[in-house]
Amino acid sequence: RPADEALLEVTGDHLLRLAWHIGNRHMPCQIETGRLLI
């Protein structure tokens, strides 16, 4: 089971654009409806 970790929740009006920028930096990203976790 995954442990609790210190993460950053990312939300905003342009979530797809934000996800693209995160992915462009090869950051692991948890994608959920309405938010991203990194």
PDB file of all heavy atoms in Angstrom:
ATOM      1  N   ARG A   1       0.849  -1.191   0.000  1.00  0.00           N
ATOM      2  CA  ARG A   1       0.000   0.000   0.000  1.00  0.00           C
ATOM      3  C   ARG A   1       0.882   1.237   0.000  1.00  0.00           C
ATOM      4  O   ARG A   1       1.962   1.254   0.595  1.00  0.00           O
ATOM      5  CB  ARG A   1      -0.989   0.006   1.146  1.00  0.00           C
ATOM      6  CG  ARG A   1      -0.398  -0.026   2.517  1.00  0.00           C
ATOM      7  CD  ARG A   1      -1.469   0.132   3.550  1.00  0.00           C
ATOM      8  NE  ARG A   1      -1.554   1.569   3.802  1.00  0.00           N
ATOM      9  CZ  ARG A   1      -1.898   2.098   4.938  1.00  0.00           C
ATOM     10  NH1 ARG A   1      -2.259   1.349   5.934  1.00  0.00           N
ATOM     11  NH2 ARG A   1      -1.908   3.393   5.104  1.00  0.00           N
ATOM     12  N   PRO A   2       0.437   2.285  -0.686  1.00  0.00           N
ATOM     13  CA  PRO A   2       1.237   3.509  -0.748  1.00  0.00           C
ATOM     14  C   PRO A   2       1.206   4.281   0.571  1.00  0.00           C
ATOM     15  O   PRO A   2       0.157   4.363   1.228  1.00  0.00           O
ATOM     16  CB  PRO A   2       0.589   4.326  -1.870  1.00  0.00           C
ATOM     17  CG  PRO A   2      -0.689   3.665  -2.196  1.00  0.00           C
ATOM     18  CD  PRO A   2      -0.735   2.337  -1.533  1.00  0.00           C
ATOM     19  N   ALA A   3       2.340   4.836   0.936  1.00  0.00           N
ATOM     20  CA  ALA A   3       2.459   5.642   2.150  1.00  0.00           C
ATOM     21  C   ALA A   3       1.965   7.063   1.896  1.00  0.00           C
ATOM     22  O   ALA A   3       1.980   7.542   0.757  1.00  0.00           O
ATOM     23  CB  ALA A   3       3.921   5.685   2.598  1.00  0.00           C
ATOM     24  N   ASP A   4       1.549   7.734   2.948  1.00  0.00           N
ATOM     25  CA  ASP A   4       1.251   9.161   2.851  1.00  0.00           C
ATOM     26  C   ASP A   4       2.562   9.906   2.595  1.00  0.00           C
ATOM     27  O   ASP A   4       3.594   9.582   3.194  1.00  0.00           O
ATOM     28  CB  ASP A   4       0.631   9.681   4.153  1.00  0.00           C
ATOM     29  CG  ASP A   4      -0.828   9.264   4.320  1.00  0.00           C
ATOM     30  OD1 ASP A   4      -1.451   8.851   3.318  1.00  0.00           O
ATOM     31  OD2 ASP A   4      -1.330   9.364   5.445  1.00  0.00           O
ATOM     32  N   GLU A   5       2.498  10.893   1.689  1.00  0.00           N
ATOM     33  CA  GLU A   5       3.680  11.669   1.331  1.00  0.00           C
ATOM     34  C   GLU A   5       3.331  13.143   1.248  1.00  0.00           C
ATOM     35  O   GLU A   5       2.176  13.504   1.028  1.00  0.00           O
ATOM     36  CB  GLU A   5       4.225  11.211  -0.023  1.00  0.00           C
ATOM     37  CG  GLU A   5       4.626   9.752  -0.044  1.00  0.00           C
ATOM     38  CD  GLU A   5       5.298   9.350  -1.331  1.00  0.00           C
ATOM     39  OE1 GLU A   5       6.211  10.088  -1.781  1.00  0.00           O
ATOM     40  OE2 GLU A   5       4.923   8.313  -1.895  1.00  0.00           O
ATOM     41  N   ALA A   6       4.338  13.974   1.400  1.00  0.00           N
ATOM     42  CA  ALA A   6       4.176  15.422   1.246  1.00  0.00           C
ATOM     43  C   ALA A   6       4.046  15.728  -0.240  1.00  0.00           C
ATOM     44  O   ALA A   6       4.999  15.544  -0.999  1.00  0.00           O
ATOM     45  CB  ALA A   6       5.368  16.158   1.847  1.00  0.00           C
ATOM     46  N   LEU A   7       2.866  16.195  -0.663  1.00  0.00           N
ATOM     47  CA  LEU A   7       2.577  16.433  -2.074  1.00  0.00           C
ATOM     48  C   LEU A   7       2.081  17.849  -2.292  1.00  0.00           C
ATOM     49  O   LEU A   7       1.732  18.545  -1.343  1.00  0.00           O
ATOM     50  CB  LEU A   7       1.515  15.448  -2.575  1.00  0.00           C
ATOM     51  CG  LEU A   7       1.824  13.967  -2.401  1.00  0.00           C
ATOM     52  CD1 LEU A   7       0.612  13.123  -2.770  1.00  0.00           C
ATOM     53  CD2 LEU A   7       3.040  13.569  -3.216  1.00  0.00           C
ATOM     54  N   LEU A   8       2.022  18.224  -3.548  1.00  0.00           N
ATOM     55  CA  LEU A   8       1.476  19.508  -3.958  1.00  0.00           C
ATOM     56  C   LEU A   8       0.241  19.237  -4.800  1.00  0.00           C
ATOM     57  O   LEU A   8       0.322  18.542  -5.815  1.00  0.00           O
ATOM     58  CB  LEU A   8       2.514  20.292  -4.765  1.00  0.00           C
ATOM     59  CG  LEU A   8       2.142  21.708  -5.181  1.00  0.00           C
ATOM     60  CD1 LEU A   8       1.897  22.594  -3.955  1.00  0.00           C
ATOM     61  CD2 LEU A   8       3.251  22.302  -6.048  1.00  0.00           C
ATOM     62  N   GLU A   9      -0.907  19.756  -4.344  1.00  0.00           N
ATOM     63  CA  GLU A   9      -2.144  19.650  -5.101  1.00  0.00           C
ATOM     64  C   GLU A   9      -2.222  20.837  -6.052  1.00  0.00           C
ATOM     65  O   GLU A   9      -2.040  21.982  -5.650  1.00  0.00           O
ATOM     66  CB  GLU A   9      -3.349  19.669  -4.162  1.00  0.00           C
ATOM     67  CG  GLU A   9      -4.681  19.566  -4.885  1.00  0.00           C
ATOM     68  CD  GLU A   9      -5.844  19.726  -3.945  1.00  0.00           C
ATOM     69  OE1 GLU A   9      -6.065  20.864  -3.455  1.00  0.00           O
ATOM     70  OE2 GLU A   9      -6.522  18.724  -3.676  1.00  0.00           O
ATOM     71  N   VAL A  10      -2.487  20.543  -7.326  1.00  0.00           N
ATOM     72  CA  VAL A  10      -2.533  21.562  -8.370  1.00  0.00           C
ATOM     73  C   VAL A  10      -3.949  21.596  -8.937  1.00  0.00           C
ATOM     74  O   VAL A  10      -4.459  20.576  -9.394  1.00  0.00           O
ATOM     75  CB  VAL A  10      -1.531  21.248  -9.503  1.00  0.00           C
ATOM     76  CG1 VAL A  10      -1.567  22.324 -10.579  1.00  0.00           C
ATOM     77  CG2 VAL A  10      -0.121  21.060  -8.947  1.00  0.00           C
ATOM     78  N   THR A  11      -4.573  22.775  -8.885  1.00  0.00           N
ATOM     79  CA  THR A  11      -5.882  22.970  -9.502  1.00  0.00           C
ATOM     80  C   THR A  11      -5.839  24.294 -10.262  1.00  0.00           C
ATOM     81  O   THR A  11      -4.897  25.070 -10.124  1.00  0.00           O
ATOM     82  CB  THR A  11      -7.023  23.007  -8.458  1.00  0.00           C
ATOM     83  OG1 THR A  11      -6.768  24.055  -7.524  1.00  0.00           O
ATOM     84  CG2 THR A  11      -7.153  21.680  -7.718  1.00  0.00           C
ATOM     85  N   GLY A  12      -6.851  24.528 -11.057  1.00  0.00           N
ATOM     86  CA  GLY A  12      -6.909  25.786 -11.790  1.00  0.00           C
ATOM     87  C   GLY A  12      -7.832  25.675 -12.986  1.00  0.00           C
ATOM     88  O   GLY A  12      -8.317  24.592 -13.324  1.00  0.00           O
ATOM     89  N   ASP A  13      -8.056  26.816 -13.627  1.00  0.00           N
ATOM     90  CA  ASP A  13      -8.965  26.880 -14.772  1.00  0.00           C
ATOM     91  C   ASP A  13      -8.434  26.138 -15.997  1.00  0.00           C
ATOM     92  O   ASP A  13      -9.204  25.690 -16.832  1.00  0.00           O
ATOM     93  CB  ASP A  13      -9.240  28.340 -15.152  1.00  0.00           C
ATOM     94  CG  ASP A  13     -10.037  29.070 -14.086  1.00  0.00           C
ATOM     95  OD1 ASP A  13     -10.757  28.390 -13.320  1.00  0.00           O
ATOM     96  OD2 ASP A  13      -9.932  30.302 -14.022  1.00  0.00           O
ATOM     97  N   HIS A  14      -7.132  26.025 -16.119  1.00  0.00           N
ATOM     98  CA  HIS A  14      -6.515  25.417 -17.303  1.00  0.00           C
ATOM     99  C   HIS A  14      -5.710  24.188 -16.893  1.00  0.00           C
ATOM    100  O   HIS A  14      -4.501  24.113 -17.130  1.00  0.00           O
ATOM    101  CB  HIS A  14      -5.632  26.437 -18.031  1.00  0.00           C
ATOM    102  CG  HIS A  14      -6.367  27.677 -18.419  1.00  0.00           C
ATOM    103  ND1 HIS A  14      -7.292  27.700 -19.431  1.00  0.00           N
ATOM    104  CD2 HIS A  14      -6.346  28.925 -17.891  1.00  0.00           C
ATOM    105  CE1 HIS A  14      -7.794  28.914 -19.538  1.00  0.00           C
ATOM    106  NE2 HIS A  14      -7.235  29.676 -18.608  1.00  0.00           N
ATOM    107  N   LEU A  15      -6.408  23.206 -16.297  1.00  0.00           N
ATOM    108  CA  LEU A  15      -5.732  22.040 -15.735  1.00  0.00           C
ATOM    109  C   LEU A  15      -4.975  21.233 -16.794  1.00  0.00           C
ATOM    110  O   LEU A  15      -3.881  20.747 -16.525  1.00  0.00           O
ATOM    111  CB  LEU A  15      -6.748  21.151 -15.013  1.00  0.00           C
ATOM    112  CG  LEU A  15      -6.205  20.213 -13.953  1.00  0.00           C
ATOM    113  CD1 LEU A  15      -5.402  20.955 -12.897  1.00  0.00           C
ATOM    114  CD2 LEU A  15      -7.326  19.423 -13.310  1.00  0.00           C
ATOM    115  N   LEU A  16      -5.517  21.112 -18.000  1.00  0.00           N
ATOM    116  CA  LEU A  16      -4.811  20.373 -19.053  1.00  0.00           C
ATOM    117  C   LEU A  16      -3.494  21.057 -19.411  1.00  0.00           C
ATOM    118  O   LEU A  16      -2.471  20.397 -19.612  1.00  0.00           O
ATOM    119  CB  LEU A  16      -5.681  20.231 -20.300  1.00  0.00           C
ATOM    120  CG  LEU A  16      -6.846  19.263 -20.172  1.00  0.00           C
ATOM    121  CD1 LEU A  16      -7.699  19.283 -21.433  1.00  0.00           C
ATOM    122  CD2 LEU A  16      -6.358  17.865 -19.874  1.00  0.00           C
ATOM    123  N   ARG A  17      -3.500  22.359 -19.474  1.00  0.00           N
ATOM    124  CA  ARG A  17      -2.274  23.112 -19.761  1.00  0.00           C
ATOM    125  C   ARG A  17      -1.255  22.928 -18.643  1.00  0.00           C
ATOM    126  O   ARG A  17      -0.061  22.734 -18.891  1.00  0.00           O
ATOM    127  CB  ARG A  17      -2.611  24.595 -19.949  1.00  0.00           C
ATOM    128  CG  ARG A  17      -1.435  25.441 -20.385  1.00  0.00           C
ATOM    129  CD  ARG A  17      -1.927  26.845 -20.812  1.00  0.00           C
ATOM    130  NE  ARG A  17      -0.964  27.830 -20.409  1.00  0.00           N
ATOM    131  CZ  ARG A  17      -1.036  28.600 -19.325  1.00  0.00           C
ATOM    132  NH1 ARG A  17      -2.078  28.548 -18.541  1.00  0.00           N
ATOM    133  NH2 ARG A  17      -0.090  29.447 -19.038  1.00  0.00           N
ATOM    134  N   LEU A  18      -1.730  22.951 -17.402  1.00  0.00           N
ATOM    135  CA  LEU A  18      -0.833  22.742 -16.266  1.00  0.00           C
ATOM    136  C   LEU A  18      -0.255  21.329 -16.300  1.00  0.00           C
ATOM    137  O   LEU A  18       0.939  21.132 -16.039  1.00  0.00           O
ATOM    138  CB  LEU A  18      -1.587  22.997 -14.958  1.00  0.00           C
ATOM    139  CG  LEU A  18      -2.118  24.419 -14.761  1.00  0.00           C
ATOM    140  CD1 LEU A  18      -3.043  24.483 -13.551  1.00  0.00           C
ATOM    141  CD2 LEU A  18      -0.982  25.419 -14.646  1.00  0.00           C
ATOM    142  N   ALA A  19      -1.092  20.347 -16.630  1.00  0.00           N
ATOM    143  CA  ALA A  19      -0.618  18.959 -16.732  1.00  0.00           C
ATOM    144  C   ALA A  19       0.458  18.836 -17.809  1.00  0.00           C
ATOM    145  O   ALA A  19       1.450  18.116 -17.634  1.00  0.00           O
ATOM    146  CB  ALA A  19      -1.782  18.017 -17.020  1.00  0.00           C
ATOM    147  N   TRP A  20       0.280  19.541 -18.926  1.00  0.00           N
ATOM    148  CA  TRP A  20       1.272  19.504 -19.996  1.00  0.00           C
ATOM    149  C   TRP A  20       2.616  20.031 -19.493  1.00  0.00           C
ATOM    150  O   TRP A  20       3.667  19.429 -19.750  1.00  0.00           O
ATOM    151  CB  TRP A  20       0.811  20.326 -21.210  1.00  0.00           C
ATOM    152  CG  TRP A  20       1.787  20.232 -22.330  1.00  0.00           C
ATOM    153  CD1 TRP A  20       1.821  19.289 -23.310  1.00  0.00           C
ATOM    154  CD2 TRP A  20       2.918  21.094 -22.553  1.00  0.00           C
ATOM    155  NE1 TRP A  20       2.899  19.509 -24.140  1.00  0.00           N
ATOM    156  CE2 TRP A  20       3.598  20.613 -23.698  1.00  0.00           C
ATOM    157  CE3 TRP A  20       3.414  22.212 -21.903  1.00  0.00           C
ATOM    158  CZ2 TRP A  20       4.739  21.216 -24.199  1.00  0.00           C
ATOM    159  CZ3 TRP A  20       4.566  22.813 -22.401  1.00  0.00           C
ATOM    160  CH2 TRP A  20       5.211  22.317 -23.541  1.00  0.00           C
ATOM    161  N   HIS A  21       2.600  21.146 -18.764  1.00  0.00           N
ATOM    162  CA  HIS A  21       3.854  21.720 -18.256  1.00  0.00           C
ATOM    163  C   HIS A  21       4.531  20.779 -17.260  1.00  0.00           C
ATOM    164  O   HIS A  21       5.758  20.652 -17.264  1.00  0.00           O
ATOM    165  CB  HIS A  21       3.596  23.094 -17.617  1.00  0.00           C
ATOM    166  CG  HIS A  21       3.449  24.188 -18.629  1.00  0.00           C
ATOM    167  ND1 HIS A  21       4.528  24.741 -19.280  1.00  0.00           N
ATOM    168  CD2 HIS A  21       2.346  24.807 -19.113  1.00  0.00           C
ATOM    169  CE1 HIS A  21       4.107  25.672 -20.120  1.00  0.00           C
ATOM    170  NE2 HIS A  21       2.787  25.727 -20.043  1.00  0.00           N
ATOM    171  N   ILE A  22       3.749  20.119 -16.423  1.00  0.00           N
ATOM    172  CA  ILE A  22       4.309  19.155 -15.469  1.00  0.00           C
ATOM    173  C   ILE A  22       4.932  17.987 -16.229  1.00  0.00           C
ATOM    174  O   ILE A  22       6.060  17.578 -15.965  1.00  0.00           O
ATOM    175  CB  ILE A  22       3.224  18.683 -14.479  1.00  0.00           C
ATOM    176  CG1 ILE A  22       2.821  19.839 -13.557  1.00  0.00           C
ATOM    177  CG2 ILE A  22       3.713  17.476 -13.675  1.00  0.00           C
ATOM    178  CD1 ILE A  22       1.554  19.585 -12.763  1.00  0.00           C
ATOM    179  N   GLY A  23       4.202  17.441 -17.199  1.00  0.00           N
ATOM    180  CA  GLY A  23       4.705  16.320 -17.986  1.00  0.00           C
ATOM    181  C   GLY A  23       5.921  16.683 -18.814  1.00  0.00           C
ATOM    182  O   GLY A  23       6.825  15.864 -18.998  1.00  0.00           O
ATOM    183  N   ASN A  24       5.970  17.907 -19.286  1.00  0.00           N
ATOM    184  CA  ASN A  24       7.109  18.366 -20.075  1.00  0.00           C
ATOM    185  C   ASN A  24       8.390  18.376 -19.248  1.00  0.00           C
ATOM    186  O   ASN A  24       9.489  18.344 -19.801  1.00  0.00           O
ATOM    187  CB  ASN A  24       6.827  19.757 -20.651  1.00  0.00           C
ATOM    188  CG  ASN A  24       7.818  20.148 -21.719  1.00  0.00           C
ATOM    189  OD1 ASN A  24       8.152  19.356 -22.589  1.00  0.00           O
ATOM    190  ND2 ASN A  24       8.298  21.378 -21.636  1.00  0.00           N
ATOM    191  N   ARG A  25       8.257  18.410 -17.944  1.00  0.00           N
ATOM    192  CA  ARG A  25       9.414  18.371 -17.038  1.00  0.00           C
ATOM    193  C   ARG A  25       9.623  16.976 -16.468  1.00  0.00           C
ATOM    194  O   ARG A  25      10.361  16.788 -15.514  1.00  0.00           O
ATOM    195  CB  ARG A  25       9.251  19.401 -15.936  1.00  0.00           C
ATOM    196  CG  ARG A  25       9.658  20.777 -16.461  1.00  0.00           C
ATOM    197  CD  ARG A  25       8.695  21.850 -16.065  1.00  0.00           C
ATOM    198  NE  ARG A  25       9.011  23.113 -16.715  1.00  0.00           N
ATOM    199  CZ  ARG A  25       8.378  23.566 -17.785  1.00  0.00           C
ATOM    200  NH1 ARG A  25       7.415  22.863 -18.342  1.00  0.00           N
ATOM    201  NH2 ARG A  25       8.689  24.731 -18.314  1.00  0.00           N
ATOM    202  N   HIS A  26       8.946  15.979 -17.027  1.00  0.00           N
ATOM    203  CA  HIS A  26       9.092  14.571 -16.630  1.00  0.00           C
ATOM    204  C   HIS A  26       8.817  14.353 -15.149  1.00  0.00           C
ATOM    205  O   HIS A  26       9.458  13.518 -14.510  1.00  0.00           O
ATOM    206  CB  HIS A  26      10.484  14.035 -17.005  1.00  0.00           C
ATOM    207  CG  HIS A  26      10.725  13.999 -18.466  1.00  0.00           C
ATOM    208  ND1 HIS A  26      10.556  12.867 -19.227  1.00  0.00           N
ATOM    209  CD2 HIS A  26      11.115  14.972 -19.333  1.00  0.00           C
ATOM    210  CE1 HIS A  26      10.831  13.145 -20.485  1.00  0.00           C
ATOM    211  NE2 HIS A  26      11.175  14.415 -20.581  1.00  0.00           N
ATOM    212  N   MET A  27       7.867  15.113 -14.604  1.00  0.00           N
ATOM    213  CA  MET A  27       7.490  14.967 -13.198  1.00  0.00           C
ATOM    214  C   MET A  27       6.421  13.877 -13.063  1.00  0.00           C
ATOM    215  O   MET A  27       5.436  13.920 -13.790  1.00  0.00           O
ATOM    216  CB  MET A  27       6.869  16.266 -12.659  1.00  0.00           C
ATOM    217  CG  MET A  27       7.796  17.427 -12.516  1.00  0.00           C
ATOM    218  SD  MET A  27       8.753  17.402 -10.996  1.00  0.00           S
ATOM    219  CE  MET A  27       7.526  17.248  -9.732  1.00  0.00           C
ATOM    220  N   PRO A  28       6.587  12.933 -12.160  1.00  0.00           N
ATOM    221  CA  PRO A  28       5.493  11.998 -11.894  1.00  0.00           C
ATOM    222  C   PRO A  28       4.267  12.799 -11.453  1.00  0.00           C
ATOM    223  O   PRO A  28       4.380  13.744 -10.671  1.00  0.00           O
ATOM    224  CB  PRO A  28       6.020  11.131 -10.756  1.00  0.00           C
ATOM    225  CG  PRO A  28       7.512  11.299 -10.800  1.00  0.00           C
ATOM    226  CD  PRO A  28       7.759  12.679 -11.326  1.00  0.00           C
ATOM    227  N   CYS A  29       3.097  12.427 -11.961  1.00  0.00           N
ATOM    228  CA  CYS A  29       1.885  13.196 -11.701  1.00  0.00           C
ATOM    229  C   CYS A  29       0.691  12.258 -11.544  1.00  0.00           C
ATOM    230  O   CYS A  29       0.447  11.405 -12.402  1.00  0.00           O
ATOM    231  CB  CYS A  29       1.648  14.172 -12.855  1.00  0.00           C
ATOM    232  SG  CYS A  29       0.207  15.239 -12.646  1.00  0.00           S
ATOM    233  N   GLN A  30      -0.019  12.422 -10.452  1.00  0.00           N
ATOM    234  CA  GLN A  30      -1.271  11.699 -10.228  1.00  0.00           C
ATOM    235  C   GLN A  30      -2.395  12.565 -10.788  1.00  0.00           C
ATOM    236  O   GLN A  30      -2.582  13.700 -10.353  1.00  0.00           O
ATOM    237  CB  GLN A  30      -1.463  11.452  -8.733  1.00  0.00           C
ATOM    238  CG  GLN A  30      -2.679  10.631  -8.389  1.00  0.00           C
ATOM    239  CD  GLN A  30      -2.693  10.258  -6.928  1.00  0.00           C
ATOM    240  OE1 GLN A  30      -1.648  10.041  -6.303  1.00  0.00           O
ATOM    241  NE2 GLN A  30      -3.885  10.174  -6.360  1.00  0.00           N
ATOM    242  N   ILE A  31      -3.125  12.026 -11.756  1.00  0.00           N
ATOM    243  CA  ILE A  31      -4.156  12.787 -12.456  1.00  0.00           C
ATOM    244  C   ILE A  31      -5.521  12.353 -11.953  1.00  0.00           C
ATOM    245  O   ILE A  31      -5.867  11.171 -12.034  1.00  0.00           O
ATOM    246  CB  ILE A  31      -4.043  12.572 -13.981  1.00  0.00           C
ATOM    247  CG1 ILE A  31      -2.654  13.001 -14.456  1.00  0.00           C
ATOM    248  CG2 ILE A  31      -5.147  13.314 -14.714  1.00  0.00           C
ATOM    249  CD1 ILE A  31      -2.326  12.574 -15.868  1.00  0.00           C
ATOM    250  N   GLU A  32      -6.276  13.303 -11.438  1.00  0.00           N
ATOM    251  CA  GLU A  32      -7.619  13.041 -10.943  1.00  0.00           C
ATOM    252  C   GLU A  32      -8.572  14.060 -11.544  1.00  0.00           C
ATOM    253  O   GLU A  32      -8.147  15.080 -12.079  1.00  0.00           O
ATOM    254  CB  GLU A  32      -7.649  13.137  -9.411  1.00  0.00           C
ATOM    255  CG  GLU A  32      -6.760  12.122  -8.722  1.00  0.00           C
ATOM    256  CD  GLU A  32      -6.789  12.253  -7.212  1.00  0.00           C
ATOM    257  OE1 GLU A  32      -7.512  13.137  -6.681  1.00  0.00           O
ATOM    258  OE2 GLU A  32      -6.075  11.484  -6.556  1.00  0.00           O
ATOM    259  N   THR A  33      -9.853  13.795 -11.432  1.00  0.00           N
ATOM    260  CA  THR A  33     -10.851  14.750 -11.899  1.00  0.00           C
ATOM    261  C   THR A  33     -10.724  16.021 -11.069  1.00  0.00           C
ATOM    262  O   THR A  33     -10.882  15.994  -9.855  1.00  0.00           O
ATOM    263  CB  THR A  33     -12.275  14.177 -11.757  1.00  0.00           C
ATOM    264  OG1 THR A  33     -12.341  12.961 -12.507  1.00  0.00           O
ATOM    265  CG2 THR A  33     -13.310  15.152 -12.267  1.00  0.00           C
ATOM    266  N   GLY A  34     -10.389  17.130 -11.719  1.00  0.00           N
ATOM    267  CA  GLY A  34     -10.327  18.415 -11.041  1.00  0.00           C
ATOM    268  C   GLY A  34      -9.038  18.760 -10.343  1.00  0.00           C
ATOM    269  O   GLY A  34      -8.908  19.862  -9.797  1.00  0.00           O
ATOM    270  N   ARG A  35      -8.057  17.825 -10.309  1.00  0.00           N
ATOM    271  CA  ARG A  35      -6.794  18.159  -9.656  1.00  0.00           C
ATOM    272  C   ARG A  35      -5.671  17.249 -10.120  1.00  0.00           C
ATOM    273  O   ARG A  35      -5.894  16.153 -10.632  1.00  0.00           O
ATOM    274  CB  ARG A  35      -6.918  18.092  -8.143  1.00  0.00           C
ATOM    275  CG  ARG A  35      -6.956  16.684  -7.587  1.00  0.00           C
ATOM    276  CD  ARG A  35      -6.981  16.683  -6.083  1.00  0.00           C
ATOM    277  NE  ARG A  35      -6.822  15.323  -5.565  1.00  0.00           N
ATOM    278  CZ  ARG A  35      -6.431  15.043  -4.340  1.00  0.00           C
ATOM    279  NH1 ARG A  35      -6.184  16.027  -3.492  1.00  0.00           N
ATOM    280  NH2 ARG A  35      -6.308  13.804  -3.945  1.00  0.00           N
ATOM    281  N   LEU A  36      -4.452  17.742  -9.899  1.00  0.00           N
ATOM    282  CA  LEU A  36      -3.234  16.981 -10.146  1.00  0.00           C
ATOM    283  C   LEU A  36      -2.470  16.917  -8.833  1.00  0.00           C
ATOM    284  O   LEU A  36      -2.530  17.855  -8.031  1.00  0.00           O
ATOM    285  CB  LEU A  36      -2.361  17.681 -11.191  1.00  0.00           C
ATOM    286  CG  LEU A  36      -3.027  18.047 -12.515  1.00  0.00           C
ATOM    287  CD1 LEU A  36      -2.106  18.943 -13.347  1.00  0.00           C
ATOM    288  CD2 LEU A  36      -3.397  16.797 -13.280  1.00  0.00           C
ATOM    289  N   LEU A  37      -1.760  15.831  -8.592  1.00  0.00           N
ATOM    290  CA  LEU A  37      -0.892  15.723  -7.426  1.00  0.00           C
ATOM    291  C   LEU A  37       0.525  15.444  -7.909  1.00  0.00           C
ATOM    292  O   LEU A  37       0.737  14.571  -8.759  1.00  0.00           O
ATOM    293  CB  LEU A  37      -1.335  14.581  -6.506  1.00  0.00           C
ATOM    294  CG  LEU A  37      -2.634  14.773  -5.750  1.00  0.00           C
ATOM    295  CD1 LEU A  37      -3.002  13.496  -4.991  1.00  0.00           C
ATOM    296  CD2 LEU A  37      -2.528  15.939  -4.790  1.00  0.00           C
ATOM    297  N   ILE A  38       1.482  16.194  -7.375  1.00  0.00           N
ATOM    298  CA  ILE A  38       2.890  15.988  -7.689  1.00  0.00           C
ATOM    299  C   ILE A  38       3.700  16.041  -6.395  1.00  0.00           C
ATOM    300  O   ILE A  38       3.227  16.531  -5.364  1.00  0.00           O
ATOM    301  CB  ILE A  38       3.427  17.036  -8.692  1.00  0.00           C
ATOM    302  CG1 ILE A  38       3.322  18.455  -8.119  1.00  0.00           C
ATOM    303  CG2 ILE A  38       2.697  16.924 -10.029  1.00  0.00           C
ATOM    304  CD1 ILE A  38       4.010  19.521  -8.972  1.00  0.00           C
TER     305      ILE A  38
END
